[in-house]
Amino acid sequence: MSAERSFSVSGVRNGSLVSIRWVEGKLDGDPPTVDLIEEEVELALTNREDMLVYDHYLDDLIRKCQSYPLADPAVTYYIVTRVIDTIRECQFSPRNLLELTDANLSDR
């Protein structure tokens, strides 16, 4: 049996300390930040024609996904780093988690 895949990010958003945890496709943490992350995915999925919200890199990551984007740790991590103003700490399990995903961040 393989180990549980997870990551956590803590930092500052809008002047407040926040923490987000992703475990096997499920987000947990600061409720307004989790809501914003989910909204970012919905915007990316529905507004590909609107250049004000279009993010080419995020769109590429989403296209590589085999399932819902937040099920992929690389897509979720990318969005988390866009939403949190200052990242203070990140932890990944396994340590090479982002290298093992469909939407590999090594293309960045």
N, C-alpha and C. Protein backbone atom coordinates (compact mmCIF):
# COMPACT_ATOMS: atom_id res chain seq x y z
N MET A 1 0.85 -1.17 0.00
CA MET A 1 0.00 0.00 0.00
C MET A 1 0.90 1.24 0.00
N SER A 2 0.56 2.22 -0.82
CA SER A 2 1.38 3.42 -0.89
C SER A 2 1.00 4.40 0.22
N ALA A 3 1.94 5.27 0.53
CA ALA A 3 1.71 6.27 1.57
C ALA A 3 0.72 7.32 1.08
N GLU A 4 0.07 7.94 2.03
CA GLU A 4 -0.88 9.01 1.73
C GLU A 4 -0.14 10.20 1.11
N ARG A 5 -0.69 10.75 0.04
CA ARG A 5 -0.11 11.93 -0.60
C ARG A 5 -0.73 13.17 0.04
N SER A 6 0.13 14.12 0.43
CA SER A 6 -0.38 15.33 1.06
C SER A 6 0.63 16.46 0.96
N PHE A 7 0.13 17.67 1.13
CA PHE A 7 1.01 18.81 1.33
C PHE A 7 0.28 19.82 2.19
N SER A 8 1.08 20.65 2.85
CA SER A 8 0.51 21.74 3.64
C SER A 8 1.32 23.00 3.36
N VAL A 9 0.61 24.11 3.39
CA VAL A 9 1.22 25.41 3.14
C VAL A 9 0.71 26.36 4.21
N SER A 10 1.61 27.10 4.84
CA SER A 10 1.20 28.15 5.76
C SER A 10 1.84 29.45 5.31
N GLY A 11 1.10 30.52 5.57
CA GLY A 11 1.60 31.82 5.18
C GLY A 11 0.63 32.91 5.59
N VAL A 12 0.70 34.01 4.86
CA VAL A 12 -0.11 35.18 5.16
C VAL A 12 -0.98 35.51 3.95
N ARG A 13 -2.26 35.73 4.22
CA ARG A 13 -3.20 36.16 3.18
C ARG A 13 -4.03 37.30 3.75
N ASN A 14 -4.01 38.43 3.07
CA ASN A 14 -4.75 39.61 3.51
C ASN A 14 -4.43 39.99 4.96
N GLY A 15 -3.16 39.83 5.33
CA GLY A 15 -2.71 40.22 6.66
C GLY A 15 -2.95 39.20 7.76
N SER A 16 -3.57 38.08 7.44
CA SER A 16 -3.86 37.05 8.45
C SER A 16 -3.04 35.79 8.18
N LEU A 17 -2.65 35.12 9.25
CA LEU A 17 -1.96 33.83 9.11
C LEU A 17 -2.97 32.78 8.66
N VAL A 18 -2.61 32.01 7.65
CA VAL A 18 -3.49 30.95 7.14
C VAL A 18 -2.69 29.68 6.93
N SER A 19 -3.40 28.56 6.99
CA SER A 19 -2.82 27.26 6.68
C SER A 19 -3.79 26.50 5.79
N ILE A 20 -3.24 25.82 4.82
CA ILE A 20 -4.01 24.98 3.91
C ILE A 20 -3.38 23.60 3.89
N ARG A 21 -4.19 22.58 3.90
CA ARG A 21 -3.69 21.21 3.80
C ARG A 21 -4.46 20.50 2.70
N TRP A 22 -3.72 19.81 1.85
CA TRP A 22 -4.28 18.99 0.77
C TRP A 22 -3.91 17.55 1.07
N VAL A 23 -4.93 16.68 1.14
CA VAL A 23 -4.70 15.25 1.38
C VAL A 23 -5.52 14.47 0.38
N GLU A 24 -4.82 13.79 -0.53
CA GLU A 24 -5.48 12.93 -1.52
C GLU A 24 -6.67 13.62 -2.20
N GLY A 25 -6.49 14.88 -2.59
CA GLY A 25 -7.53 15.59 -3.34
C GLY A 25 -8.51 16.38 -2.51
N LYS A 26 -8.37 16.34 -1.21
CA LYS A 26 -9.28 17.08 -0.32
C LYS A 26 -8.54 18.25 0.31
N LEU A 27 -9.16 19.43 0.24
CA LEU A 27 -8.59 20.64 0.84
C LEU A 27 -9.19 20.89 2.21
N ASP A 28 -8.36 21.37 3.11
CA ASP A 28 -8.81 21.73 4.44
C ASP A 28 -7.99 22.94 4.89
N GLY A 29 -8.55 23.72 5.77
CA GLY A 29 -7.81 24.86 6.29
C GLY A 29 -8.70 26.08 6.44
N ASP A 30 -8.08 27.25 6.36
CA ASP A 30 -8.77 28.52 6.49
C ASP A 30 -9.94 28.58 5.51
N PRO A 31 -11.20 28.61 6.00
CA PRO A 31 -12.36 28.53 5.10
C PRO A 31 -12.39 29.56 3.97
N PRO A 32 -12.13 30.86 4.21
CA PRO A 32 -12.16 31.80 3.08
C PRO A 32 -11.08 31.50 2.04
N THR A 33 -9.93 31.01 2.48
CA THR A 33 -8.86 30.69 1.54
C THR A 33 -9.22 29.45 0.73
N VAL A 34 -9.78 28.44 1.37
CA VAL A 34 -10.23 27.24 0.65
C VAL A 34 -11.29 27.63 -0.38
N ASP A 35 -12.24 28.49 0.01
CA ASP A 35 -13.28 28.94 -0.92
C ASP A 35 -12.67 29.65 -2.12
N LEU A 36 -11.68 30.50 -1.88
CA LEU A 36 -11.04 31.23 -2.97
C LEU A 36 -10.28 30.29 -3.90
N ILE A 37 -9.62 29.29 -3.37
CA ILE A 37 -8.93 28.31 -4.20
C ILE A 37 -9.92 27.58 -5.10
N GLU A 38 -11.04 27.16 -4.53
CA GLU A 38 -12.08 26.48 -5.31
C GLU A 38 -12.64 27.40 -6.39
N GLU A 39 -12.82 28.67 -6.05
CA GLU A 39 -13.33 29.65 -7.02
C GLU A 39 -12.33 29.88 -8.16
N GLU A 40 -11.04 29.90 -7.84
CA GLU A 40 -10.01 30.06 -8.87
C GLU A 40 -10.08 28.93 -9.90
N VAL A 41 -10.32 27.71 -9.43
CA VAL A 41 -10.45 26.58 -10.35
C VAL A 41 -11.68 26.75 -11.23
N GLU A 42 -12.80 27.12 -10.63
CA GLU A 42 -14.02 27.32 -11.42
C GLU A 42 -13.83 28.42 -12.46
N LEU A 43 -13.18 29.51 -12.09
CA LEU A 43 -12.90 30.58 -13.05
C LEU A 43 -12.02 30.07 -14.19
N ALA A 44 -11.01 29.30 -13.85
CA ALA A 44 -10.11 28.77 -14.87
C ALA A 44 -10.84 27.81 -15.81
N LEU A 45 -11.78 27.05 -15.29
CA LEU A 45 -12.51 26.08 -16.12
C LEU A 45 -13.56 26.75 -17.01
N THR A 46 -14.14 27.86 -16.56
CA THR A 46 -15.27 28.44 -17.29
C THR A 46 -14.94 29.70 -18.06
N ASN A 47 -13.80 30.33 -17.80
CA ASN A 47 -13.51 31.63 -18.43
C ASN A 47 -12.26 31.60 -19.29
N ARG A 48 -12.08 30.58 -20.09
CA ARG A 48 -10.88 30.47 -20.92
C ARG A 48 -10.81 31.55 -22.00
N GLU A 49 -11.93 32.16 -22.32
CA GLU A 49 -11.96 33.20 -23.35
C GLU A 49 -11.71 34.59 -22.77
N ASP A 50 -11.82 34.75 -21.46
CA ASP A 50 -11.69 36.06 -20.82
C ASP A 50 -10.23 36.29 -20.43
N MET A 51 -9.54 37.18 -21.13
CA MET A 51 -8.13 37.41 -20.89
C MET A 51 -7.84 38.08 -19.54
N LEU A 52 -8.86 38.63 -18.89
CA LEU A 52 -8.64 39.21 -17.57
C LEU A 52 -8.43 38.14 -16.49
N VAL A 53 -9.00 36.97 -16.68
CA VAL A 53 -8.85 35.90 -15.70
C VAL A 53 -8.05 34.71 -16.23
N TYR A 54 -7.73 34.73 -17.51
CA TYR A 54 -7.02 33.60 -18.13
C TYR A 54 -5.58 33.53 -17.64
N ASP A 55 -5.15 32.35 -17.27
CA ASP A 55 -3.78 32.09 -16.85
C ASP A 55 -3.30 30.92 -17.70
N HIS A 56 -2.42 31.22 -18.64
CA HIS A 56 -1.97 30.20 -19.59
C HIS A 56 -1.35 28.99 -18.89
N TYR A 57 -0.52 29.24 -17.89
CA TYR A 57 0.14 28.14 -17.19
C TYR A 57 -0.88 27.27 -16.45
N LEU A 58 -1.82 27.90 -15.75
CA LEU A 58 -2.86 27.15 -15.05
C LEU A 58 -3.70 26.36 -16.05
N ASP A 59 -4.04 26.96 -17.17
CA ASP A 59 -4.81 26.27 -18.18
C ASP A 59 -4.07 25.02 -18.67
N ASP A 60 -2.76 25.14 -18.89
CA ASP A 60 -1.95 23.99 -19.31
C ASP A 60 -1.97 22.89 -18.24
N LEU A 61 -1.83 23.28 -16.97
CA LEU A 61 -1.88 22.29 -15.89
C LEU A 61 -3.22 21.57 -15.87
N ILE A 62 -4.29 22.33 -15.98
CA ILE A 62 -5.63 21.75 -15.94
C ILE A 62 -5.85 20.79 -17.11
N ARG A 63 -5.37 21.16 -18.29
CA ARG A 63 -5.53 20.29 -19.46
C ARG A 63 -4.81 18.95 -19.29
N LYS A 64 -3.73 18.93 -18.51
CA LYS A 64 -2.97 17.69 -18.28
C LYS A 64 -3.63 16.78 -17.25
N CYS A 65 -4.56 17.32 -16.48
CA CYS A 65 -5.21 16.54 -15.42
C CYS A 65 -6.09 15.45 -16.00
N GLN A 66 -6.11 14.34 -15.31
CA GLN A 66 -6.97 13.23 -15.69
C GLN A 66 -8.32 13.29 -14.97
N SER A 67 -8.42 14.18 -13.98
CA SER A 67 -9.65 14.28 -13.19
C SER A 67 -9.87 15.74 -12.81
N TYR A 68 -10.71 15.97 -11.80
CA TYR A 68 -10.97 17.33 -11.34
C TYR A 68 -9.65 17.97 -10.90
N PRO A 69 -9.38 19.22 -11.29
CA PRO A 69 -8.08 19.84 -11.03
C PRO A 69 -7.61 19.81 -9.58
N LEU A 70 -8.50 19.98 -8.61
CA LEU A 70 -8.05 19.97 -7.22
C LEU A 70 -7.68 18.58 -6.73
N ALA A 71 -7.92 17.55 -7.53
CA ALA A 71 -7.46 16.21 -7.19
C ALA A 71 -5.97 16.06 -7.48
N ASP A 72 -5.42 16.98 -8.28
CA ASP A 72 -4.01 16.93 -8.65
C ASP A 72 -3.22 17.87 -7.73
N PRO A 73 -2.20 17.36 -7.04
CA PRO A 73 -1.46 18.21 -6.12
C PRO A 73 -0.72 19.36 -6.80
N ALA A 74 -0.23 19.17 -8.01
CA ALA A 74 0.50 20.24 -8.70
C ALA A 74 -0.41 21.41 -9.03
N VAL A 75 -1.60 21.12 -9.52
CA VAL A 75 -2.56 22.18 -9.84
C VAL A 75 -2.96 22.91 -8.56
N THR A 76 -3.28 22.15 -7.53
CA THR A 76 -3.71 22.74 -6.27
C THR A 76 -2.60 23.59 -5.67
N TYR A 77 -1.38 23.06 -5.67
CA TYR A 77 -0.26 23.82 -5.11
C TYR A 77 -0.05 25.13 -5.87
N TYR A 78 -0.13 25.08 -7.19
CA TYR A 78 0.04 26.29 -7.99
C TYR A 78 -1.01 27.35 -7.60
N ILE A 79 -2.26 26.92 -7.46
CA ILE A 79 -3.32 27.86 -7.10
C ILE A 79 -3.11 28.39 -5.67
N VAL A 80 -2.73 27.51 -4.75
CA VAL A 80 -2.47 27.94 -3.37
C VAL A 80 -1.40 29.02 -3.36
N THR A 81 -0.34 28.84 -4.13
CA THR A 81 0.74 29.83 -4.13
C THR A 81 0.32 31.14 -4.78
N ARG A 82 -0.72 31.12 -5.59
CA ARG A 82 -1.26 32.36 -6.16
C ARG A 82 -2.18 33.07 -5.17
N VAL A 83 -2.85 32.32 -4.33
CA VAL A 83 -3.86 32.87 -3.42
C VAL A 83 -3.23 33.39 -2.12
N ILE A 84 -2.24 32.69 -1.60
CA ILE A 84 -1.58 33.12 -0.36
C ILE A 84 -0.53 34.16 -0.72
N ASP A 85 -0.59 35.30 -0.05
CA ASP A 85 0.31 36.42 -0.37
C ASP A 85 1.77 36.11 -0.07
N THR A 86 2.05 35.54 1.09
CA THR A 86 3.42 35.23 1.49
C THR A 86 3.44 33.80 2.02
N ILE A 87 4.24 32.95 1.40
CA ILE A 87 4.38 31.56 1.84
C ILE A 87 5.47 31.52 2.91
N ARG A 88 5.15 30.94 4.06
CA ARG A 88 6.13 30.82 5.13
C ARG A 88 6.68 29.41 5.26
N GLU A 89 5.86 28.41 4.96
CA GLU A 89 6.31 27.03 5.10
C GLU A 89 5.50 26.11 4.20
N CYS A 90 6.19 25.14 3.61
CA CYS A 90 5.54 24.10 2.80
C CYS A 90 6.09 22.75 3.24
N GLN A 91 5.21 21.77 3.31
CA GLN A 91 5.62 20.41 3.61
C GLN A 91 4.93 19.48 2.63
N PHE A 92 5.69 18.52 2.10
CA PHE A 92 5.17 17.59 1.11
C PHE A 92 5.40 16.16 1.57
N SER A 93 4.43 15.29 1.32
CA SER A 93 4.57 13.87 1.60
C SER A 93 3.97 13.07 0.45
N PRO A 94 4.74 12.30 -0.28
CA PRO A 94 6.19 12.17 -0.17
C PRO A 94 6.88 13.46 -0.60
N ARG A 95 8.17 13.55 -0.31
CA ARG A 95 8.90 14.79 -0.59
C ARG A 95 8.87 15.17 -2.06
N ASN A 96 8.81 14.20 -2.95
CA ASN A 96 8.79 14.47 -4.39
C ASN A 96 7.37 14.46 -4.96
N LEU A 97 6.40 14.77 -4.13
CA LEU A 97 4.98 14.71 -4.50
C LEU A 97 4.69 15.41 -5.82
N LEU A 98 5.19 16.61 -6.02
CA LEU A 98 4.85 17.38 -7.21
C LEU A 98 5.47 16.80 -8.47
N GLU A 99 6.49 15.99 -8.35
CA GLU A 99 7.10 15.35 -9.51
C GLU A 99 6.30 14.13 -9.97
N LEU A 100 5.38 13.67 -9.16
CA LEU A 100 4.65 12.43 -9.43
C LEU A 100 3.25 12.67 -10.00
N THR A 101 2.94 13.89 -10.42
CA THR A 101 1.59 14.23 -10.81
C THR A 101 1.42 14.27 -12.31
N ASP A 102 0.17 14.26 -12.76
CA ASP A 102 -0.14 14.40 -14.19
C ASP A 102 0.31 15.76 -14.70
N ALA A 103 0.07 16.79 -13.93
CA ALA A 103 0.39 18.16 -14.32
C ALA A 103 1.72 18.56 -13.70
N ASN A 104 2.77 17.88 -14.09
CA ASN A 104 4.09 18.05 -13.48
C ASN A 104 4.59 19.48 -13.55
N LEU A 105 4.99 20.02 -12.41
CA LEU A 105 5.48 21.40 -12.35
C LEU A 105 6.88 21.55 -12.92
N SER A 106 7.55 20.47 -13.25
CA SER A 106 8.91 20.60 -13.79
C SER A 106 8.90 21.27 -15.16
N ASP A 107 7.74 21.36 -15.80
CA ASP A 107 7.62 22.03 -17.09
C ASP A 107 7.65 23.55 -16.95
N ARG A 108 7.57 24.04 -15.75
CA ARG A 108 7.45 25.47 -15.46
C ARG A 108 8.67 26.24 -15.90
